[in-house]
Protein backbone atom coordinates (compact mmCIF):
# COMPACT_ATOMS: atom_id res chain seq x y z
CA MET A 1 -0.78 20.46 24.26
CA SER A 2 1.25 19.69 21.12
CA SER A 3 -1.50 17.93 19.15
CA PRO A 4 -3.31 21.10 17.99
CA ARG A 5 -0.02 22.44 16.60
CA LEU A 6 0.54 19.21 14.68
CA LEU A 7 -2.92 19.14 13.09
CA SER A 8 -2.32 21.98 10.65
CA PRO A 9 -4.45 22.46 7.53
CA ALA A 10 -1.46 21.62 5.34
CA LEU A 11 -0.78 18.29 7.07
CA LEU A 12 -4.44 17.36 7.02
CA THR A 13 -4.49 18.13 3.29
CA LEU A 14 -1.57 15.76 2.76
CA ALA A 15 -3.46 13.10 4.73
CA VAL A 16 -6.52 13.62 2.50
CA ALA A 17 -4.28 13.22 -0.55
CA ALA A 18 -2.87 9.97 0.85
CA PHE A 19 -6.46 8.83 1.49
CA ALA A 20 -7.37 9.50 -2.15
CA ILE A 21 -4.33 7.66 -3.48
CA GLY A 22 -4.82 4.75 -1.10
CA THR A 23 -8.48 4.45 -2.07
CA ALA A 24 -7.58 4.41 -5.78
CA GLU A 25 -5.01 1.67 -5.19
CA PHE A 26 -7.09 -0.69 -3.05
CA ILE A 27 -10.63 -0.04 -4.29
CA ILE A 28 -10.10 -2.56 -7.07
CA MET A 29 -10.24 -5.40 -4.50
CA GLY A 30 -13.91 -4.80 -3.80
CA LEU A 31 -14.81 -4.20 -7.45
CA LEU A 32 -13.13 -7.20 -9.12
CA PRO A 33 -16.23 -9.46 -9.32
CA ILE A 34 -18.40 -6.57 -10.58
CA MET A 35 -15.84 -5.48 -13.18
CA ALA A 36 -15.18 -9.03 -14.39
CA ALA A 37 -18.90 -9.57 -14.97
CA ASP A 38 -19.40 -6.20 -16.69
CA LEU A 39 -16.36 -6.56 -18.97
CA HIS A 40 -17.15 -10.25 -19.68
CA ILE A 41 -13.71 -11.47 -18.64
CA PRO A 42 -12.55 -14.22 -16.25
CA LEU A 43 -11.93 -13.18 -12.66
CA SER A 44 -8.26 -14.17 -13.03
CA ARG A 45 -7.80 -11.66 -15.88
CA ALA A 46 -9.56 -8.94 -13.92
CA GLY A 47 -6.94 -9.50 -11.22
CA TYR A 48 -4.33 -8.09 -13.61
CA LEU A 49 -5.75 -4.66 -12.83
CA VAL A 50 -4.06 -4.97 -9.44
CA SER A 51 -0.74 -5.83 -11.06
CA ALA A 52 -1.09 -2.97 -13.56
CA TYR A 53 -1.40 -0.40 -10.78
CA ALA A 54 1.50 -1.85 -8.85
CA LEU A 55 3.75 -1.86 -11.91
CA GLY A 56 2.75 1.74 -12.59
CA VAL A 57 3.94 2.69 -9.10
CA VAL A 58 7.24 0.87 -9.62
CA ALA A 59 7.85 2.55 -12.98
CA GLY A 60 6.46 5.97 -12.10
CA GLY A 61 8.95 6.77 -9.32
CA PRO A 62 12.15 6.53 -11.42
CA VAL A 63 10.51 8.04 -14.52
CA LEU A 64 9.24 11.15 -12.72
CA ALA A 65 12.08 11.52 -10.19
CA SER A 66 14.33 13.83 -12.22
CA PHE A 67 11.38 15.98 -13.31
CA ILE A 68 9.97 16.30 -9.80
CA ALA A 69 13.39 17.25 -8.40
CA ARG A 70 13.37 20.42 -10.51
CA LEU A 71 10.01 21.62 -9.19
CA GLU A 72 9.04 23.40 -6.01
CA GLU A 73 7.24 20.97 -3.69
CA LYS A 74 3.75 22.47 -3.95
CA ARG A 75 3.88 22.63 -7.75
CA ALA A 76 5.15 19.06 -7.85
CA LEU A 77 2.26 17.84 -5.68
CA MET A 78 -0.31 19.66 -7.80
CA GLY A 79 1.17 18.24 -11.00
CA LEU A 80 1.17 14.71 -9.58
CA MET A 81 -2.42 15.03 -8.35
CA SER A 82 -3.42 16.22 -11.83
CA ILE A 83 -2.01 12.95 -13.21
CA PHE A 84 -4.07 11.11 -10.59
CA VAL A 85 -7.29 12.84 -11.68
CA ALA A 86 -6.57 12.19 -15.37
CA GLY A 87 -5.85 8.52 -14.70
CA ASN A 88 -9.12 7.98 -12.86
CA LEU A 89 -11.01 9.77 -15.63
CA ALA A 90 -9.41 7.35 -18.10
CA CYS A 91 -10.53 4.42 -15.91
CA LEU A 92 -14.07 5.80 -15.87
CA LEU A 93 -14.17 6.00 -19.67
CA ALA A 94 -12.28 2.77 -20.51
CA PRO A 95 -14.41 0.60 -22.82
CA SER A 96 -12.55 -2.70 -22.27
CA LEU A 97 -9.83 -4.40 -20.26
CA MET A 98 -6.74 -3.23 -22.16
CA PRO A 99 -7.54 0.53 -22.02
CA LEU A 100 -8.49 0.03 -18.38
CA LEU A 101 -5.11 -1.58 -17.67
CA LEU A 102 -3.33 1.38 -19.30
CA ALA A 103 -5.49 3.82 -17.34
CA ARG A 104 -4.57 2.08 -14.07
CA VAL A 105 -0.89 2.39 -14.96
CA LEU A 106 -1.35 6.11 -15.63
CA THR A 107 -3.16 6.59 -12.31
CA ALA A 108 -0.36 4.80 -10.48
CA PHE A 109 2.42 6.86 -12.04
CA CYS A 110 1.98 9.61 -9.47
CA HIS A 111 1.87 7.29 -6.44
CA ALA A 112 5.51 6.85 -5.37
CA SER A 113 6.57 10.40 -6.22
CA PHE A 114 3.57 11.96 -4.48
CA ILE A 115 3.91 9.92 -1.30
CA GLY A 116 7.68 10.49 -1.19
CA THR A 117 7.35 14.24 -1.73
CA ALA A 118 4.47 14.54 0.73
CA ALA A 119 6.45 12.69 3.41
CA VAL A 120 9.37 15.11 3.04
CA MET A 121 7.00 18.08 3.15
CA ALA A 122 5.18 16.71 6.22
CA ALA A 123 8.47 16.43 8.10
CA ARG A 124 9.46 19.96 7.06
CA LEU A 125 6.12 21.45 8.14
CA ALA A 126 6.14 19.70 11.52
CA PRO A 127 6.90 21.53 14.77
CA PRO A 128 10.37 20.82 16.20
CA GLY A 129 10.74 17.23 17.38
CA MET A 130 7.50 16.08 15.73
CA ALA A 131 8.64 15.15 12.23
CA GLY A 132 7.94 11.45 12.77
CA ARG A 133 4.42 12.05 14.04
CA ALA A 134 3.76 14.41 11.14
CA MET A 135 4.74 11.72 8.64
CA ALA A 136 2.61 9.20 10.54
CA LEU A 137 -0.35 11.58 10.27
CA MET A 138 0.16 11.83 6.53
CA PHE A 139 0.40 8.05 6.12
CA SER A 140 -2.74 7.59 8.22
CA GLY A 141 -4.66 8.65 5.14
CA MET A 142 -3.49 5.48 3.39
CA THR A 143 -4.67 3.39 6.33
CA LEU A 144 -8.07 5.09 6.51
CA ALA A 145 -8.49 4.41 2.80
CA ASN A 146 -8.81 0.72 3.68
CA VAL A 147 -11.31 1.42 6.47
CA LEU A 148 -13.51 4.01 4.76
CA GLY A 149 -12.53 4.51 1.13
CA VAL A 150 -12.55 0.91 -0.07
CA PRO A 151 -15.85 -0.14 1.60
CA ALA A 152 -17.53 3.08 0.41
CA GLY A 153 -16.21 2.63 -3.12
CA THR A 154 -17.35 -0.99 -3.14
CA LEU A 155 -20.83 0.02 -1.99
CA ILE A 156 -21.03 2.67 -4.72
CA GLY A 157 -19.96 0.05 -7.27
CA GLN A 158 -22.62 -2.39 -6.11
CA VAL A 159 -25.37 0.23 -6.25
CA SER A 160 -24.39 2.26 -9.32
CA GLY A 161 -21.74 0.26 -11.17
CA TRP A 162 -17.94 0.22 -10.99
CA ARG A 163 -17.59 3.30 -13.19
CA ALA A 164 -19.40 5.34 -10.53
CA SER A 165 -16.72 4.25 -8.04
CA PHE A 166 -13.98 5.65 -10.27
CA ALA A 167 -16.00 8.83 -10.76
CA ALA A 168 -16.12 9.24 -6.97
CA VAL A 169 -12.36 8.72 -6.67
CA MET A 170 -11.78 11.25 -9.47
CA ALA A 171 -13.98 13.78 -7.64
CA LEU A 172 -11.97 13.17 -4.47
CA GLY A 173 -8.81 13.86 -6.46
CA ILE A 174 -10.21 17.16 -7.73
CA VAL A 175 -11.11 18.22 -4.19
CA THR A 176 -7.61 17.26 -3.05
CA LEU A 177 -6.05 19.26 -5.87
CA LEU A 178 -8.01 22.34 -4.80
CA LEU A 179 -7.02 21.80 -1.16
CA ILE A 180 -3.34 21.57 -2.08
CA GLY A 181 -3.58 24.84 -3.98
CA ARG A 182 -5.27 26.55 -1.03
CA GLN A 183 -3.81 24.98 2.12
CA VAL A 184 -0.28 23.81 1.31
CA PRO A 185 2.37 26.54 1.56
CA ALA A 186 4.93 27.02 -1.17
CA GLN A 187 8.51 26.22 -0.27
CA SER A 188 10.60 29.33 0.30
CA GLY A 189 13.68 29.65 -1.85
CA SER A 190 14.56 27.49 -4.84
CA PRO A 191 14.28 23.71 -5.09
CA ALA A 192 17.10 21.72 -3.59
CA SER A 193 20.13 21.20 -5.79
CA ALA A 194 20.52 17.85 -7.45
CA ALA A 195 23.37 16.58 -5.33
CA LYS A 196 24.45 12.98 -5.87
CA PRO A 197 22.32 10.86 -3.50
CA PRO A 198 24.11 8.65 -0.98
CA ARG A 199 24.50 5.00 -1.93
CA LEU A 200 22.37 2.40 -0.26
CA PRO A 201 24.23 -0.13 1.91
CA GLY A 202 24.17 -3.62 0.44
CA VAL A 203 22.04 -5.05 3.23
CA VAL A 204 19.25 -2.58 2.36
CA TRP A 205 18.72 -4.33 -0.98
CA PHE A 206 18.07 -7.59 0.86
CA ALA A 207 15.64 -5.77 3.15
CA LEU A 208 13.86 -4.48 0.03
CA LEU A 209 13.60 -8.10 -1.12
CA CYS A 210 11.81 -8.85 2.16
CA SER A 211 9.33 -6.08 1.33
CA VAL A 212 8.74 -7.56 -2.13
CA LEU A 213 8.05 -11.00 -0.63
CA ALA A 214 5.83 -9.60 2.14
CA ALA A 215 3.71 -7.63 -0.32
CA SER A 216 3.52 -10.66 -2.62
CA SER A 217 2.06 -12.68 0.24
CA MET A 218 -0.38 -9.90 1.12
CA PHE A 219 -1.75 -9.50 -2.39
CA ALA A 220 -1.79 -13.19 -3.25
CA PHE A 221 -4.43 -13.39 -0.49
CA PHE A 222 -6.06 -9.95 -0.67
CA THR A 223 -6.69 -9.76 -4.43
CA TYR A 224 -9.29 -12.56 -4.45
CA LEU A 225 -10.43 -12.23 -0.84
CA LEU A 226 -14.06 -11.46 -1.65
CA PRO A 227 -14.47 -14.34 -4.14
CA VAL A 228 -12.94 -16.70 -1.56
CA LEU A 229 -15.34 -15.52 1.14
CA ASN A 230 -18.29 -15.66 -1.26
CA GLN A 231 -17.64 -19.09 -2.74
CA ILE A 232 -16.00 -20.94 0.14
CA SER A 233 -17.21 -19.25 3.32
CA GLY A 234 -20.71 -18.53 2.05
CA LEU A 235 -20.59 -14.75 2.49
CA PRO A 236 -23.56 -13.08 0.71
CA GLN A 237 -22.44 -10.58 -1.94
CA ALA A 238 -24.46 -7.84 -0.24
CA TYR A 239 -22.15 -8.02 2.79
CA ALA A 240 -18.95 -7.32 0.82
CA SER A 241 -18.70 -3.70 1.95
CA PRO A 242 -19.04 -4.41 5.71
CA VAL A 243 -16.49 -7.22 5.42
CA LEU A 244 -14.00 -4.89 3.73
CA LEU A 245 -14.65 -2.43 6.56
CA LEU A 246 -13.77 -5.17 9.07
CA CYS A 247 -10.62 -5.98 7.12
CA GLY A 248 -9.71 -2.28 7.04
CA MET A 249 -10.12 -2.05 10.80
CA GLY A 250 -7.65 -4.90 11.09
CA LEU A 251 -5.21 -2.94 8.93
CA VAL A 252 -5.60 0.13 11.15
CA LEU A 253 -4.91 -1.97 14.22
CA GLY A 254 -1.88 -3.38 12.43
CA GLY A 255 -0.50 0.09 11.75
CA TRP A 256 -0.74 0.97 15.43
CA LEU A 257 0.70 -2.41 16.44
CA GLY A 258 3.59 -2.11 13.99
CA GLY A 259 4.59 1.23 15.50
CA ARG A 260 4.49 -0.18 19.04
CA LEU A 261 6.53 -3.24 18.05
CA THR A 262 9.08 -1.04 16.31
CA ASP A 263 9.60 0.98 19.49
CA TRP A 264 9.66 -2.18 21.63
CA ASN A 265 12.07 -4.40 19.68
CA LEU A 266 12.24 -4.24 15.89
CA SER A 267 13.91 -7.63 15.37
CA ARG A 268 11.64 -9.57 17.71
CA GLY A 269 8.61 -7.70 16.41
CA LEU A 270 9.41 -8.77 12.84
CA VAL A 271 9.82 -12.44 13.72
CA LEU A 272 6.72 -12.54 15.94
CA THR A 273 4.57 -10.78 13.34
CA LEU A 274 5.70 -13.11 10.54
CA LEU A 275 5.00 -16.20 12.63
CA LEU A 276 1.48 -14.98 13.44
CA LEU A 277 0.95 -14.03 9.79
CA CYS A 278 1.84 -17.55 8.63
CA ALA A 279 -0.38 -19.05 11.33
CA SER A 280 -3.39 -16.91 10.35
CA LEU A 281 -3.05 -17.86 6.67
CA LEU A 282 -2.73 -21.57 7.43
CA GLY A 283 -5.66 -21.32 9.82
CA PHE A 284 -7.73 -19.62 7.13
CA TYR A 285 -7.00 -22.47 4.72
CA LEU A 286 -8.16 -25.03 7.26
CA LEU A 287 -11.20 -23.15 8.61
CA ALA A 288 -12.45 -21.02 5.71
CA GLU A 289 -15.68 -23.00 5.40
CA TRP A 290 -16.86 -21.54 8.72
CA LEU A 291 -17.71 -17.91 7.97
CA GLY A 292 -17.27 -16.57 11.51
CA LEU A 293 -13.82 -18.11 11.89
CA ALA A 294 -12.87 -17.01 8.38
CA LEU A 295 -13.72 -13.39 9.21
CA LEU A 296 -11.80 -13.55 12.50
CA LEU A 297 -8.74 -14.95 10.75
CA MET A 298 -9.10 -12.37 7.98
CA ALA A 299 -9.02 -9.53 10.52
CA THR A 300 -6.03 -11.13 12.26
CA TRP A 301 -4.26 -11.50 8.92
CA GLY A 302 -4.93 -7.84 8.10
CA SER A 303 -3.45 -6.70 11.40
CA MET A 304 -0.32 -8.81 10.98
CA ALA A 305 0.14 -7.91 7.31
CA PHE A 306 0.02 -4.16 7.89
CA ALA A 307 2.11 -4.37 11.05
CA LEU A 308 4.71 -6.17 8.93
CA CYS A 309 4.65 -3.32 6.39
CA MET A 310 5.38 -0.80 9.14
CA LEU A 311 8.14 -2.95 10.63
CA LEU A 312 9.86 -3.50 7.28
CA GLN A 313 9.66 0.23 6.52
CA ALA A 314 11.39 0.95 9.84
CA LEU A 315 13.99 -1.74 9.14
CA VAL A 316 14.85 -0.26 5.74
CA ILE A 317 15.15 3.26 7.15
CA ARG A 318 17.38 2.16 10.03
CA LEU A 319 19.63 0.12 7.76
CA ALA A 320 19.98 2.93 5.21
CA GLY A 321 21.43 5.56 7.54
CA PRO A 322 22.11 8.78 5.57
CA ALA A 323 20.29 7.30 2.56
CA ALA A 324 17.07 6.82 4.54
CA ALA A 325 14.93 9.07 2.34
CA ARG A 326 16.04 7.34 -0.84
CA ALA A 327 15.63 3.91 0.73
CA SER A 328 12.10 4.80 1.87
CA THR A 329 11.15 5.73 -1.69
CA PHE A 330 12.65 2.50 -3.00
CA ASN A 331 10.63 0.61 -0.40
CA VAL A 332 7.39 2.03 -1.80
CA GLY A 333 8.42 0.58 -5.15
CA ALA A 334 9.41 -2.72 -3.55
CA PHE A 335 6.02 -3.11 -1.89
CA ASN A 336 4.23 -2.38 -5.14
CA LEU A 337 6.44 -4.74 -7.08
CA GLY A 338 5.38 -7.36 -4.56
CA ASN A 339 1.74 -6.32 -5.03
CA ALA A 340 2.03 -7.01 -8.74
CA LEU A 341 3.88 -10.27 -8.22
CA GLY A 342 1.40 -11.55 -5.64
CA ALA A 343 -1.65 -10.71 -7.74
CA TRP A 344 -0.03 -12.28 -10.81
CA LEU A 345 0.92 -15.45 -8.94
CA ALA A 346 -2.62 -15.78 -7.61
CA GLY A 347 -4.10 -15.28 -11.07
CA TRP A 348 -1.61 -17.76 -12.57
CA LEU A 349 -2.54 -20.35 -9.96
CA LEU A 350 -6.21 -19.98 -10.82
CA ASP A 351 -5.47 -20.15 -14.55
CA GLN A 352 -3.62 -23.42 -13.98
CA GLY A 353 -6.71 -24.94 -12.41
CA GLY A 354 -5.88 -24.18 -8.79
CA SER A 355 -8.78 -23.56 -6.44
CA LEU A 356 -9.55 -20.34 -4.62
CA ALA A 357 -8.96 -22.21 -1.36
CA ARG A 358 -5.30 -22.71 -2.24
CA LEU A 359 -4.60 -18.98 -2.45
CA SER A 360 -4.16 -18.79 1.33
CA LEU A 361 -1.56 -21.58 1.07
CA LEU A 362 0.27 -19.61 -1.62
CA ALA A 363 0.22 -16.54 0.63
CA ALA A 364 1.47 -18.61 3.59
CA ALA A 365 4.36 -19.97 1.52
CA LEU A 366 5.36 -16.45 0.48
CA ALA A 367 5.13 -15.30 4.10
CA GLY A 368 7.39 -18.20 5.07
CA LEU A 369 9.95 -17.08 2.47
CA THR A 370 9.67 -13.56 3.90
CA LEU A 371 10.47 -14.93 7.35
CA LEU A 372 13.58 -16.73 6.09
CA ALA A 373 14.80 -13.66 4.18
CA THR A 374 14.12 -11.40 7.19
CA LEU A 375 16.08 -13.66 9.51
CA GLY A 376 18.99 -13.37 7.08
CA VAL A 377 18.78 -9.58 7.05
CA LEU A 378 18.55 -9.41 10.84
CA HIS A 379 21.62 -11.64 11.11
CA ALA A 380 23.52 -9.39 8.71
CA ARG A 381 22.36 -6.33 10.65
CA ALA A 382 23.60 -7.79 13.92
CA ALA A 383 26.96 -8.74 12.37
CA ARG A 384 27.30 -5.26 10.88
CA GLY A 385 26.56 -3.69 14.28
CA MET A 386 29.26 -5.83 15.91
CA ARG A 387 31.81 -4.77 13.25
CA LEU A 388 30.96 -1.11 13.78
CA ALA A 389 31.20 -1.50 17.56
CA SER A 390 34.64 -3.10 17.34
CA ALA A 391 36.00 -0.57 14.82
């Protein structure tokens, strides 16, 4: 059996690291109402903590790229995880919103570089012919963060306060740092030379725009999901953690579904997923007052949203060709730029007097724009394939 060979201590350590980073990114969703009340700020302003993290991811990749390229992989990962621990410590100690925003940016700085470096290392450590599965194993940590990390962090915040949640994430980062030092092998030889990276084909930039729009839709809905369920669907606050667990299970299902659709037919999978995503958001707007239906549509939305992330990642990689690694890193930034944009748009809508109920309409509109942009990219991809075939 090949599975035991794949599940090496080093790969499992990388998955734990991805779990820690994913938990730090998404835990804010379950803590927003608690943090807004404790810091005495409107819920819409608390939502900027989501945007701050996303912008930190977007900025951190380019800023740290040249520095990381000069380091051996293991040292780079340990340095990046040290930034992660320091950022969560700063969140724990932040006395008000502005220092907390800066601390979230610091925490996020390691995100893109760590995930990109870990993905390359996972592929290198994999047995022959199993590089893809090794990277999937590493990324599974991000998915499990939504199923286990976010509900657990939310429960800790409800029982002991939001600062205790950040203390738990910081402790997880320290454990991960120790595991990297013990379980991850150092790369033999010297770091790769800084050769000029291949240019991205023009169509890849339009695919990255699709990722920005898709993430904007996701976070326009996800950022204020708990307040919507509390105030419109009648969900008791005490059930926030189980509901986030249900949503996380939908995301896990979406990750599996996205992989299956990619192998089946990438183009059809993208269109089908986007249509179902729009339908689930519109259905949520119409039926949110019924808690059972709202939860069902939420889980459906989570599955479609994460399946779309997987499908767009595959699309970017296939379009990029020799520049696949660089395009994949850019796509992490594109998703997080969309995260920031979606959370900001949702907060802006609320500041302008819009109701929480209208956030699902905003997300549906952004998903519709994603569908239109994706159809354009798929058309360009097909035309490009025909030109290459006739050359």
